[in-house]
Amino acid sequence: MFICVLTHKISTFFPENCAFYTDVLILKAVDNLVYIIWFFQNTKEFIMKNTIKLLGIIAFITIIGLVFLTCDDSGGDSNNTKVPSELRGTWKWTSGNITWTTVLKSTTMTVTHAGYPNAKDNGTIKSTIIELEPFAVPAPYNATFPNGYTMTFKVTSSNCSCASKDDEGVFIFAVNAARTQAIDVDLDIWIKQ
């Protein structure tokens, strides 16, 4: 009603034949102005609502990322390849004339075979640990050898017939609490040197 009164007063300043068109133009202008105000108010609400949603999503993703970072229990490198200190060192297994010597370092493993009748079976295999995970040692062995690990390795060099470069394998090894003996998946006892 206020708009109608306002437009009628404005139209009286124009000649008689233009009054109708002036009223229509003024009403159209006011209508457009009302639409523009409504559009900006709703757009503002729309932007605010979506901004809040977007910030919520970003916060959620950030929290999940932080949870994954803080819950990483690999105990070593982020890619889970670092040999734990309890396994590092030189380990020896002997059966008759055959001796295997395994040297475990932070991310590498060197195995030397000696005493085989066939000379091609003797030699040294050097490998890189590509994955290391804790292994639950089954009973009754877990009482003596509680700390078990599964080491996936990739051969980097070999001078014996039992392995070739780029071969992959798994070495399951468990160590006793005193770190003086270990047992492998074949139940062979290894002695720390």
N, C-alpha and C. Protein backbone atom coordinates (compact mmCIF):
# COMPACT_ATOMS: atom_id res chain seq x y z
N MET A 1 0.83 -1.19 0.00
CA MET A 1 0.00 0.00 0.00
C MET A 1 0.88 1.25 0.00
N PHE A 2 1.97 1.23 0.78
CA PHE A 2 2.88 2.36 0.80
C PHE A 2 3.50 2.56 -0.58
N ILE A 3 3.82 1.45 -1.25
CA ILE A 3 4.42 1.54 -2.59
C ILE A 3 3.44 2.16 -3.57
N CYS A 4 2.17 1.75 -3.48
CA CYS A 4 1.15 2.30 -4.39
C CYS A 4 0.99 3.81 -4.16
N VAL A 5 0.92 4.25 -2.96
CA VAL A 5 0.76 5.68 -2.65
C VAL A 5 1.98 6.44 -3.16
N LEU A 6 3.18 5.87 -2.93
CA LEU A 6 4.41 6.51 -3.36
C LEU A 6 4.46 6.65 -4.87
N THR A 7 4.13 5.61 -5.57
CA THR A 7 4.17 5.65 -7.04
C THR A 7 3.11 6.60 -7.57
N HIS A 8 1.97 6.68 -6.93
CA HIS A 8 0.91 7.60 -7.39
C HIS A 8 1.37 9.04 -7.23
N LYS A 9 2.01 9.39 -6.11
CA LYS A 9 2.50 10.75 -5.90
C LYS A 9 3.58 11.08 -6.91
N ILE A 10 4.47 10.14 -7.20
CA ILE A 10 5.54 10.40 -8.18
C ILE A 10 4.95 10.60 -9.56
N SER A 11 3.93 9.82 -9.92
CA SER A 11 3.36 9.90 -11.26
C SER A 11 2.64 11.22 -11.52
N THR A 12 2.24 11.93 -10.48
CA THR A 12 1.55 13.20 -10.68
C THR A 12 2.48 14.29 -11.21
N PHE A 13 3.78 14.08 -11.11
CA PHE A 13 4.74 15.05 -11.65
C PHE A 13 4.94 14.91 -13.15
N PHE A 14 4.45 13.83 -13.73
CA PHE A 14 4.61 13.61 -15.17
C PHE A 14 3.34 13.98 -15.91
N PRO A 15 3.44 14.25 -17.23
CA PRO A 15 2.22 14.55 -18.00
C PRO A 15 1.23 13.40 -17.91
N GLU A 16 -0.03 13.74 -18.21
CA GLU A 16 -1.16 12.81 -18.06
C GLU A 16 -0.98 11.54 -18.87
N ASN A 17 -0.48 11.65 -20.11
CA ASN A 17 -0.39 10.46 -20.97
C ASN A 17 0.77 9.55 -20.55
N CYS A 18 1.69 10.06 -19.75
CA CYS A 18 2.83 9.24 -19.29
C CYS A 18 2.59 8.67 -17.91
N ALA A 19 1.53 9.10 -17.23
CA ALA A 19 1.32 8.71 -15.84
C ALA A 19 1.19 7.20 -15.69
N PHE A 20 0.45 6.56 -16.59
CA PHE A 20 0.25 5.12 -16.49
C PHE A 20 1.57 4.38 -16.64
N TYR A 21 2.31 4.76 -17.67
CA TYR A 21 3.59 4.09 -17.92
C TYR A 21 4.59 4.34 -16.79
N THR A 22 4.52 5.54 -16.21
CA THR A 22 5.41 5.86 -15.09
C THR A 22 5.08 4.99 -13.90
N ASP A 23 3.77 4.83 -13.62
CA ASP A 23 3.37 3.96 -12.52
C ASP A 23 3.87 2.54 -12.74
N VAL A 24 3.75 2.03 -13.95
CA VAL A 24 4.18 0.66 -14.27
C VAL A 24 5.70 0.54 -14.11
N LEU A 25 6.42 1.54 -14.63
CA LEU A 25 7.88 1.51 -14.53
C LEU A 25 8.35 1.57 -13.08
N ILE A 26 7.70 2.43 -12.30
CA ILE A 26 8.08 2.57 -10.90
C ILE A 26 7.77 1.28 -10.14
N LEU A 27 6.59 0.70 -10.41
CA LEU A 27 6.25 -0.57 -9.76
C LEU A 27 7.24 -1.66 -10.16
N LYS A 28 7.63 -1.68 -11.42
CA LYS A 28 8.60 -2.67 -11.91
C LYS A 28 9.95 -2.46 -11.23
N ALA A 29 10.36 -1.19 -11.11
CA ALA A 29 11.64 -0.89 -10.47
C ALA A 29 11.61 -1.31 -9.00
N VAL A 30 10.50 -0.97 -8.31
CA VAL A 30 10.37 -1.36 -6.90
C VAL A 30 10.36 -2.88 -6.78
N ASP A 31 9.64 -3.54 -7.70
CA ASP A 31 9.57 -5.00 -7.69
C ASP A 31 10.97 -5.60 -7.87
N ASN A 32 11.73 -5.03 -8.80
CA ASN A 32 13.10 -5.50 -9.03
C ASN A 32 13.98 -5.24 -7.81
N LEU A 33 13.80 -4.10 -7.19
CA LEU A 33 14.56 -3.78 -5.99
C LEU A 33 14.25 -4.76 -4.86
N VAL A 34 12.97 -5.07 -4.68
CA VAL A 34 12.56 -6.05 -3.67
C VAL A 34 13.16 -7.41 -3.99
N TYR A 35 13.13 -7.79 -5.26
CA TYR A 35 13.70 -9.08 -5.68
C TYR A 35 15.21 -9.11 -5.41
N ILE A 36 15.91 -8.01 -5.72
CA ILE A 36 17.35 -7.95 -5.49
C ILE A 36 17.66 -8.07 -4.00
N ILE A 37 16.92 -7.39 -3.17
CA ILE A 37 17.12 -7.47 -1.72
C ILE A 37 16.86 -8.89 -1.24
N TRP A 38 15.76 -9.49 -1.70
CA TRP A 38 15.44 -10.88 -1.33
C TRP A 38 16.54 -11.83 -1.78
N PHE A 39 17.02 -11.65 -3.02
CA PHE A 39 18.06 -12.51 -3.58
C PHE A 39 19.33 -12.46 -2.73
N PHE A 40 19.77 -11.24 -2.36
CA PHE A 40 20.99 -11.11 -1.56
C PHE A 40 20.82 -11.68 -0.16
N GLN A 41 19.62 -11.51 0.41
CA GLN A 41 19.40 -12.08 1.74
C GLN A 41 19.44 -13.60 1.68
N ASN A 42 18.77 -14.18 0.70
CA ASN A 42 18.75 -15.63 0.57
C ASN A 42 20.10 -16.18 0.14
N THR A 43 20.78 -15.46 -0.72
CA THR A 43 22.11 -15.88 -1.15
C THR A 43 23.06 -15.86 0.04
N LYS A 44 22.93 -14.84 0.85
CA LYS A 44 23.77 -14.74 2.06
C LYS A 44 23.52 -15.94 2.96
N GLU A 45 22.25 -16.31 3.17
CA GLU A 45 21.92 -17.48 3.99
C GLU A 45 22.46 -18.75 3.34
N PHE A 46 22.28 -18.84 2.00
CA PHE A 46 22.75 -20.01 1.27
C PHE A 46 24.26 -20.15 1.40
N ILE A 47 24.97 -19.05 1.20
CA ILE A 47 26.43 -19.08 1.31
C ILE A 47 26.85 -19.41 2.73
N MET A 48 26.21 -18.81 3.71
CA MET A 48 26.56 -19.07 5.10
C MET A 48 26.31 -20.54 5.46
N LYS A 49 25.15 -21.07 5.05
CA LYS A 49 24.85 -22.47 5.36
C LYS A 49 25.87 -23.38 4.72
N ASN A 50 26.19 -23.14 3.44
CA ASN A 50 27.12 -24.01 2.74
C ASN A 50 28.55 -23.81 3.25
N THR A 51 28.88 -22.60 3.65
CA THR A 51 30.21 -22.36 4.22
C THR A 51 30.36 -23.14 5.52
N ILE A 52 29.33 -23.11 6.34
CA ILE A 52 29.36 -23.86 7.60
C ILE A 52 29.48 -25.36 7.32
N LYS A 53 28.73 -25.84 6.33
CA LYS A 53 28.81 -27.26 5.97
C LYS A 53 30.22 -27.59 5.47
N LEU A 54 30.76 -26.75 4.61
CA LEU A 54 32.10 -26.98 4.06
C LEU A 54 33.14 -26.98 5.17
N LEU A 55 33.05 -26.03 6.10
CA LEU A 55 33.99 -25.99 7.22
C LEU A 55 33.84 -27.24 8.10
N GLY A 56 32.61 -27.70 8.27
CA GLY A 56 32.38 -28.92 9.04
C GLY A 56 33.01 -30.13 8.38
N ILE A 57 32.88 -30.24 7.05
CA ILE A 57 33.48 -31.35 6.31
C ILE A 57 35.00 -31.30 6.43
N ILE A 58 35.58 -30.09 6.27
CA ILE A 58 37.03 -29.94 6.38
C ILE A 58 37.50 -30.33 7.79
N ALA A 59 36.77 -29.91 8.81
CA ALA A 59 37.13 -30.26 10.19
C ALA A 59 37.05 -31.77 10.40
N PHE A 60 36.01 -32.40 9.86
CA PHE A 60 35.83 -33.85 9.99
C PHE A 60 36.99 -34.60 9.34
N ILE A 61 37.36 -34.21 8.12
CA ILE A 61 38.47 -34.85 7.42
C ILE A 61 39.78 -34.64 8.17
N THR A 62 39.97 -33.45 8.71
CA THR A 62 41.19 -33.16 9.48
C THR A 62 41.27 -34.04 10.71
N ILE A 63 40.16 -34.19 11.41
CA ILE A 63 40.14 -35.02 12.63
C ILE A 63 40.46 -36.47 12.28
N ILE A 64 39.85 -36.98 11.20
CA ILE A 64 40.11 -38.36 10.79
C ILE A 64 41.59 -38.53 10.44
N GLY A 65 42.16 -37.56 9.70
CA GLY A 65 43.57 -37.62 9.36
C GLY A 65 44.46 -37.64 10.58
N LEU A 66 44.14 -36.81 11.56
CA LEU A 66 44.93 -36.77 12.79
C LEU A 66 44.81 -38.06 13.57
N VAL A 67 43.62 -38.66 13.57
CA VAL A 67 43.44 -39.93 14.26
C VAL A 67 44.31 -41.00 13.62
N PHE A 68 44.35 -41.05 12.28
CA PHE A 68 45.19 -42.04 11.60
C PHE A 68 46.67 -41.79 11.91
N LEU A 69 47.08 -40.54 11.96
CA LEU A 69 48.48 -40.23 12.26
C LEU A 69 48.85 -40.63 13.68
N THR A 70 47.98 -40.33 14.64
CA THR A 70 48.31 -40.62 16.03
C THR A 70 48.14 -42.10 16.36
N CYS A 71 47.35 -42.83 15.60
CA CYS A 71 47.15 -44.25 15.87
C CYS A 71 48.11 -45.14 15.10
N ASP A 72 49.03 -44.57 14.35
CA ASP A 72 50.02 -45.36 13.62
C ASP A 72 50.96 -45.99 14.63
N ASP A 73 50.86 -47.32 14.79
CA ASP A 73 51.67 -48.00 15.79
C ASP A 73 52.73 -48.87 15.16
N SER A 74 53.24 -48.45 14.02
CA SER A 74 54.25 -49.26 13.34
C SER A 74 55.53 -49.37 14.12
N GLY A 75 55.76 -48.41 15.02
CA GLY A 75 56.94 -48.49 15.86
C GLY A 75 58.23 -48.14 15.14
N GLY A 76 58.15 -47.71 13.91
CA GLY A 76 59.34 -47.39 13.15
C GLY A 76 59.00 -46.42 12.05
N ASP A 77 59.51 -46.73 10.88
CA ASP A 77 59.22 -45.87 9.75
C ASP A 77 57.74 -45.92 9.43
N SER A 78 57.25 -44.86 8.77
CA SER A 78 55.83 -44.82 8.46
C SER A 78 55.43 -45.91 7.48
N ASN A 79 56.38 -46.44 6.68
CA ASN A 79 56.02 -47.49 5.74
C ASN A 79 56.23 -48.88 6.33
N ASN A 80 56.49 -48.97 7.66
CA ASN A 80 56.50 -50.23 8.39
C ASN A 80 57.58 -51.18 7.90
N THR A 81 58.80 -50.70 7.68
CA THR A 81 59.88 -51.56 7.22
C THR A 81 61.08 -51.57 8.15
N LYS A 82 61.03 -50.89 9.25
CA LYS A 82 62.20 -50.80 10.12
C LYS A 82 62.23 -52.00 11.08
N VAL A 83 63.34 -52.70 11.07
CA VAL A 83 63.50 -53.87 11.94
C VAL A 83 63.65 -53.40 13.38
N PRO A 84 62.86 -53.93 14.32
CA PRO A 84 62.96 -53.49 15.71
C PRO A 84 64.31 -53.87 16.31
N SER A 85 64.73 -53.12 17.30
CA SER A 85 66.06 -53.30 17.89
C SER A 85 66.25 -54.69 18.48
N GLU A 86 65.19 -55.32 18.97
CA GLU A 86 65.33 -56.65 19.57
C GLU A 86 65.72 -57.73 18.55
N LEU A 87 65.49 -57.45 17.25
CA LEU A 87 65.87 -58.41 16.21
C LEU A 87 67.21 -58.09 15.56
N ARG A 88 67.64 -56.86 15.67
CA ARG A 88 68.88 -56.45 14.98
C ARG A 88 70.08 -57.18 15.56
N GLY A 89 71.00 -57.51 14.67
CA GLY A 89 72.22 -58.19 15.09
C GLY A 89 72.45 -59.42 14.24
N THR A 90 73.38 -60.26 14.69
CA THR A 90 73.76 -61.48 13.97
C THR A 90 73.17 -62.68 14.68
N TRP A 91 72.46 -63.52 13.91
CA TRP A 91 71.82 -64.72 14.43
C TRP A 91 72.37 -65.93 13.66
N LYS A 92 72.60 -67.04 14.38
CA LYS A 92 73.18 -68.23 13.73
C LYS A 92 72.34 -69.46 14.04
N TRP A 93 72.14 -70.27 12.97
CA TRP A 93 71.45 -71.55 13.11
C TRP A 93 72.36 -72.62 12.52
N THR A 94 72.53 -73.72 13.25
CA THR A 94 73.42 -74.80 12.80
C THR A 94 72.68 -76.13 12.89
N SER A 95 72.86 -76.91 11.84
CA SER A 95 72.33 -78.27 11.82
C SER A 95 73.37 -79.15 11.13
N GLY A 96 74.10 -79.93 11.92
CA GLY A 96 75.20 -80.74 11.37
C GLY A 96 76.29 -79.82 10.83
N ASN A 97 76.62 -80.01 9.55
CA ASN A 97 77.66 -79.18 8.92
C ASN A 97 77.10 -77.88 8.35
N ILE A 98 75.77 -77.78 8.29
CA ILE A 98 75.15 -76.62 7.65
C ILE A 98 74.97 -75.49 8.67
N THR A 99 75.39 -74.31 8.26
CA THR A 99 75.24 -73.14 9.12
C THR A 99 74.61 -72.01 8.32
N TRP A 100 73.59 -71.40 8.91
CA TRP A 100 72.99 -70.20 8.34
C TRP A 100 73.30 -69.06 9.29
N THR A 101 73.80 -67.97 8.76
CA THR A 101 74.06 -66.78 9.55
C THR A 101 73.22 -65.65 8.98
N THR A 102 72.38 -65.07 9.81
CA THR A 102 71.51 -63.98 9.37
C THR A 102 71.91 -62.71 10.12
N VAL A 103 72.16 -61.66 9.36
CA VAL A 103 72.47 -60.36 9.94
C VAL A 103 71.31 -59.43 9.63
N LEU A 104 70.64 -58.98 10.69
CA LEU A 104 69.51 -58.07 10.53
C LEU A 104 69.95 -56.67 10.94
N LYS A 105 69.78 -55.74 10.03
CA LYS A 105 70.05 -54.33 10.33
C LYS A 105 68.73 -53.58 10.28
N SER A 106 68.77 -52.28 10.30
CA SER A 106 67.56 -51.46 10.39
C SER A 106 66.55 -51.78 9.29
N THR A 107 67.00 -51.89 8.05
CA THR A 107 66.07 -52.15 6.93
C THR A 107 66.57 -53.22 5.98
N THR A 108 67.63 -53.93 6.38
CA THR A 108 68.20 -54.96 5.50
C THR A 108 68.42 -56.27 6.23
N MET A 109 68.54 -57.34 5.42
CA MET A 109 68.81 -58.67 5.95
C MET A 109 69.82 -59.35 5.04
N THR A 110 70.88 -59.91 5.64
CA THR A 110 71.89 -60.66 4.88
C THR A 110 71.93 -62.07 5.45
N VAL A 111 71.75 -63.07 4.58
CA VAL A 111 71.76 -64.47 5.00
C VAL A 111 72.91 -65.17 4.28
N THR A 112 73.76 -65.85 5.04
CA THR A 112 74.88 -66.60 4.47
C THR A 112 74.67 -68.07 4.77
N HIS A 113 74.72 -68.89 3.70
CA HIS A 113 74.61 -70.35 3.83
C HIS A 113 76.01 -70.93 3.71
N ALA A 114 76.33 -71.87 4.56
CA ALA A 114 77.63 -72.55 4.47
C ALA A 114 77.46 -74.01 4.88
N GLY A 115 78.32 -74.89 4.33
CA GLY A 115 78.34 -76.30 4.72
C GLY A 115 77.50 -77.22 3.86
N TYR A 116 76.83 -76.69 2.83
CA TYR A 116 76.05 -77.56 1.95
C TYR A 116 77.01 -78.36 1.07
N PRO A 117 76.67 -79.64 0.79
CA PRO A 117 77.54 -80.45 -0.07
C PRO A 117 77.67 -79.87 -1.48
N ASN A 118 76.57 -79.33 -1.98
CA ASN A 118 76.60 -78.71 -3.31
C ASN A 118 77.07 -77.26 -3.15
N ALA A 119 78.18 -76.92 -3.74
CA ALA A 119 78.78 -75.59 -3.57
C ALA A 119 77.85 -74.48 -4.03
N LYS A 120 76.96 -74.77 -5.00
CA LYS A 120 76.05 -73.74 -5.50
C LYS A 120 75.02 -73.30 -4.46
N ASP A 121 74.78 -74.15 -3.45
CA ASP A 121 73.82 -73.82 -2.39
C ASP A 121 74.43 -72.92 -1.32
N ASN A 122 75.74 -72.80 -1.32
CA ASN A 122 76.43 -71.95 -0.35
C ASN A 122 76.57 -70.55 -0.94
N GLY A 123 76.52 -69.55 -0.08
CA GLY A 123 76.69 -68.18 -0.56
C GLY A 123 75.95 -67.19 0.33
N THR A 124 75.83 -65.98 -0.18
CA THR A 124 75.22 -64.89 0.59
C THR A 124 74.06 -64.28 -0.19
N ILE A 125 72.97 -64.05 0.52
CA ILE A 125 71.79 -63.40 -0.06
C ILE A 125 71.58 -62.09 0.69
N LYS A 126 71.56 -60.98 -0.03
CA LYS A 126 71.29 -59.68 0.58
C LYS A 126 69.88 -59.24 0.18
N SER A 127 69.14 -58.76 1.16
CA SER A 127 67.74 -58.39 0.93
C SER A 127 67.41 -57.08 1.61
N THR A 128 66.35 -56.46 1.11
CA THR A 128 65.78 -55.28 1.73
C THR A 128 64.44 -55.67 2.34
N ILE A 129 64.19 -55.23 3.56
CA ILE A 129 62.90 -55.49 4.20
C ILE A 129 61.88 -54.54 3.57
N ILE A 130 60.82 -55.09 2.97
CA ILE A 130 59.81 -54.24 2.34
C ILE A 130 58.56 -54.10 3.20
N GLU A 131 58.39 -55.00 4.18
CA GLU A 131 57.27 -54.85 5.12
C GLU A 131 57.57 -55.68 6.35
N LEU A 132 57.18 -55.15 7.49
CA LEU A 132 57.39 -55.86 8.75
C LEU A 132 56.16 -55.68 9.61
N GLU A 133 55.62 -56.79 10.11
CA GLU A 133 54.43 -56.73 10.94
C GLU A 133 54.59 -57.65 12.14
N PRO A 134 53.99 -57.29 13.27
CA PRO A 134 54.01 -58.20 14.43
C PRO A 134 53.29 -59.50 14.09
N PHE A 135 53.77 -60.58 14.69
CA PHE A 135 53.21 -61.91 14.44
C PHE A 135 52.88 -62.54 15.79
N ALA A 136 51.67 -63.04 15.94
CA ALA A 136 51.26 -63.68 17.19
C ALA A 136 51.81 -65.11 17.21
N VAL A 137 52.78 -65.34 18.04
CA VAL A 137 53.40 -66.67 18.16
C VAL A 137 52.40 -67.60 18.85
N PRO A 138 52.13 -68.76 18.25
CA PRO A 138 51.14 -69.66 18.86
C PRO A 138 51.70 -70.35 20.11
N ALA A 139 50.78 -70.81 20.94
CA ALA A 139 51.17 -71.58 22.14
C ALA A 139 51.70 -72.94 21.69
N PRO A 140 52.58 -73.53 22.41
CA PRO A 140 53.20 -73.14 23.67
C PRO A 140 54.47 -72.29 23.47
N TYR A 141 54.81 -71.98 22.21
CA TYR A 141 56.07 -71.28 21.93
C TYR A 141 56.04 -69.83 22.38
N ASN A 142 54.85 -69.26 22.49
CA ASN A 142 54.75 -67.83 22.86
C ASN A 142 55.21 -67.58 24.29
N ALA A 143 55.25 -68.62 25.12
CA ALA A 143 55.74 -68.44 26.49
C ALA A 143 57.24 -68.13 26.50
N THR A 144 57.98 -68.76 25.59
CA THR A 144 59.43 -68.55 25.51
C THR A 144 59.80 -67.46 24.52
N PHE A 145 59.06 -67.40 23.42
CA PHE A 145 59.37 -66.45 22.34
C PHE A 145 58.16 -65.54 22.11
N PRO A 146 57.96 -64.55 22.96
CA PRO A 146 56.74 -63.74 22.90
C PRO A 146 56.70 -62.72 21.75
N ASN A 147 57.86 -62.29 21.27
CA ASN A 147 57.89 -61.20 20.29
C ASN A 147 58.14 -61.74 18.88
N GLY A 148 57.07 -61.93 18.15
CA GLY A 148 57.18 -62.47 16.80
C GLY A 148 56.97 -61.41 15.73
N TYR A 149 57.65 -61.59 14.59
CA TYR A 149 57.56 -60.65 13.47
C TYR A 149 57.53 -61.41 12.16
N THR A 150 56.75 -60.87 11.24
CA THR A 150 56.75 -61.37 9.86
C THR A 150 57.46 -60.33 9.02
N MET A 151 58.58 -60.72 8.40
CA MET A 151 59.36 -59.80 7.57
C MET A 151 59.24 -60.21 6.12
N THR A 152 58.69 -59.34 5.32
CA THR A 152 58.65 -59.58 3.87
C THR A 152 59.87 -58.90 3.29
N PHE A 153 60.64 -59.66 2.51
CA PHE A 153 61.89 -59.11 1.98
C PHE A 153 61.98 -59.27 0.47
N LYS A 154 62.84 -58.46 -0.12
CA LYS A 154 63.11 -58.54 -1.56
C LYS A 154 64.62 -58.67 -1.73
N VAL A 155 65.06 -59.69 -2.49
CA VAL A 155 66.48 -59.96 -2.68
C VAL A 155 67.09 -58.88 -3.57
N THR A 156 68.18 -58.28 -3.08
CA THR A 156 68.89 -57.27 -3.87
C THR A 156 70.12 -57.85 -4.56
N SER A 157 70.72 -58.91 -3.97
CA SER A 157 71.83 -59.61 -4.62
C SER A 157 71.97 -61.00 -4.02
N SER A 158 72.47 -61.95 -4.83
CA SER A 158 72.63 -63.32 -4.37
C SER A 158 73.74 -63.99 -5.17
N ASN A 159 74.57 -64.78 -4.49
CA ASN A 159 75.59 -65.56 -5.20
C ASN A 159 75.44 -67.05 -4.90
N CYS A 160 74.21 -67.46 -4.56
CA CYS A 160 73.95 -68.89 -4.38
C CYS A 160 72.72 -69.28 -5.19
N SER A 161 72.53 -70.59 -5.38
CA SER A 161 71.45 -71.07 -6.24
C SER A 161 70.07 -70.98 -5.58
N CYS A 162 70.01 -70.70 -4.30
CA CYS A 162 68.72 -70.73 -3.59
C CYS A 162 67.90 -69.46 -3.75
N ALA A 163 68.47 -68.40 -4.32
CA ALA A 163 67.71 -67.16 -4.50
C ALA A 163 68.30 -66.36 -5.66
N SER A 164 67.43 -65.57 -6.28
CA SER A 164 67.85 -64.68 -7.38
C SER A 164 67.46 -63.26 -7.05
N LYS A 165 68.11 -62.32 -7.71
CA LYS A 165 67.80 -60.91 -7.50
C LYS A 165 66.32 -60.66 -7.80
N ASP A 166 65.69 -59.83 -6.99
CA ASP A 166 64.28 -59.45 -7.08
C ASP A 166 63.31 -60.53 -6.61
N ASP A 167 63.81 -61.67 -6.13
CA ASP A 167 62.91 -62.65 -5.49
C ASP A 167 62.35 -62.02 -4.22
N GLU A 168 61.13 -62.40 -3.88
CA GLU A 168 60.53 -61.93 -2.64
C GLU A 168 60.23 -63.13 -1.76
N GLY A 169 60.29 -62.94 -0.46
CA GLY A 169 60.00 -64.00 0.47
C GLY A 169 59.54 -63.46 1.79
N VAL A 170 59.18 -64.38 2.69
CA VAL A 170 58.71 -64.00 4.02
C VAL A 170 59.54 -64.77 5.04
N PHE A 171 60.01 -64.08 6.04
CA PHE A 171 60.79 -64.67 7.12
C PHE A 171 60.05 -64.39 8.42
N ILE A 172 59.57 -65.46 9.07
CA ILE A 172 58.85 -65.31 10.33
C ILE A 172 59.84 -65.65 11.45
N PHE A 173 59.99 -64.74 12.36
CA PHE A 173 61.04 -64.84 13.38
C PHE A 173 60.48 -64.35 14.70
N ALA A 174 60.73 -65.10 15.78
CA ALA A 174 60.29 -64.68 17.12
C ALA A 174 61.48 -64.75 18.05
N VAL A 175 61.61 -63.77 18.92
CA VAL A 175 62.77 -63.67 19.81
C VAL A 175 62.31 -63.81 21.26
N ASN A 176 63.21 -64.38 22.08
CA ASN A 176 62.86 -64.52 23.50
C ASN A 176 63.04 -63.18 24.22
N ALA A 177 62.55 -63.11 25.45
CA ALA A 177 62.58 -61.85 26.19
C ALA A 177 64.01 -61.37 26.44
N ALA A 178 64.96 -62.30 26.60
CA ALA A 178 66.35 -61.93 26.86
C ALA A 178 67.10 -61.55 25.58
N ARG A 179 66.46 -61.74 24.44
CA ARG A 179 67.05 -61.43 23.11
C ARG A 179 68.31 -62.26 22.83
N THR A 180 68.36 -63.45 23.36
CA THR A 180 69.52 -64.32 23.15
C THR A 180 69.23 -65.46 22.19
N GLN A 181 67.94 -65.81 22.05
CA GLN A 181 67.53 -66.88 21.15
C GLN A 181 66.31 -66.44 20.35
N ALA A 182 66.18 -67.08 19.19
CA ALA A 182 65.01 -66.82 18.35
C ALA A 182 64.56 -68.13 17.74
N ILE A 183 63.33 -68.14 17.24
CA ILE A 183 62.78 -69.32 16.60
C ILE A 183 62.15 -68.88 15.29
N ASP A 184 62.30 -69.73 14.26
CA ASP A 184 61.67 -69.40 12.97
C ASP A 184 60.44 -70.27 12.77
N VAL A 185 59.82 -70.14 11.62
CA VAL A 185 58.56 -70.84 11.35
C VAL A 185 58.75 -72.36 11.29
N ASP A 186 59.99 -72.82 11.03
CA ASP A 186 60.30 -74.27 11.01
C ASP A 186 60.69 -74.79 12.38
N LEU A 187 60.56 -73.93 13.42
CA LEU A 187 60.91 -74.24 14.80
C LEU A 187 62.41 -74.44 14.97
N ASP A 188 63.20 -73.91 14.07
CA ASP A 188 64.65 -73.93 14.23
C ASP A 188 65.02 -72.86 15.23
N ILE A 189 65.97 -73.19 16.13
CA ILE A 189 66.43 -72.27 17.15
C ILE A 189 67.66 -71.53 16.63
N TRP A 190 67.60 -70.19 16.69
CA TRP A 190 68.70 -69.32 16.28
C TRP A 190 69.34 -68.73 17.53
N ILE A 191 70.65 -68.62 17.53
CA ILE A 191 71.39 -68.09 18.67
C ILE A 191 71.97 -66.73 18.30
N LYS A 192 71.77 -65.76 19.19
CA LYS A 192 72.31 -64.42 18.97
C LYS A 192 73.83 -64.46 19.16
N GLN A 193 74.55 -63.89 18.23
CA GLN A 193 76.03 -63.88 18.28
C GLN A 193 76.54 -62.61 18.92
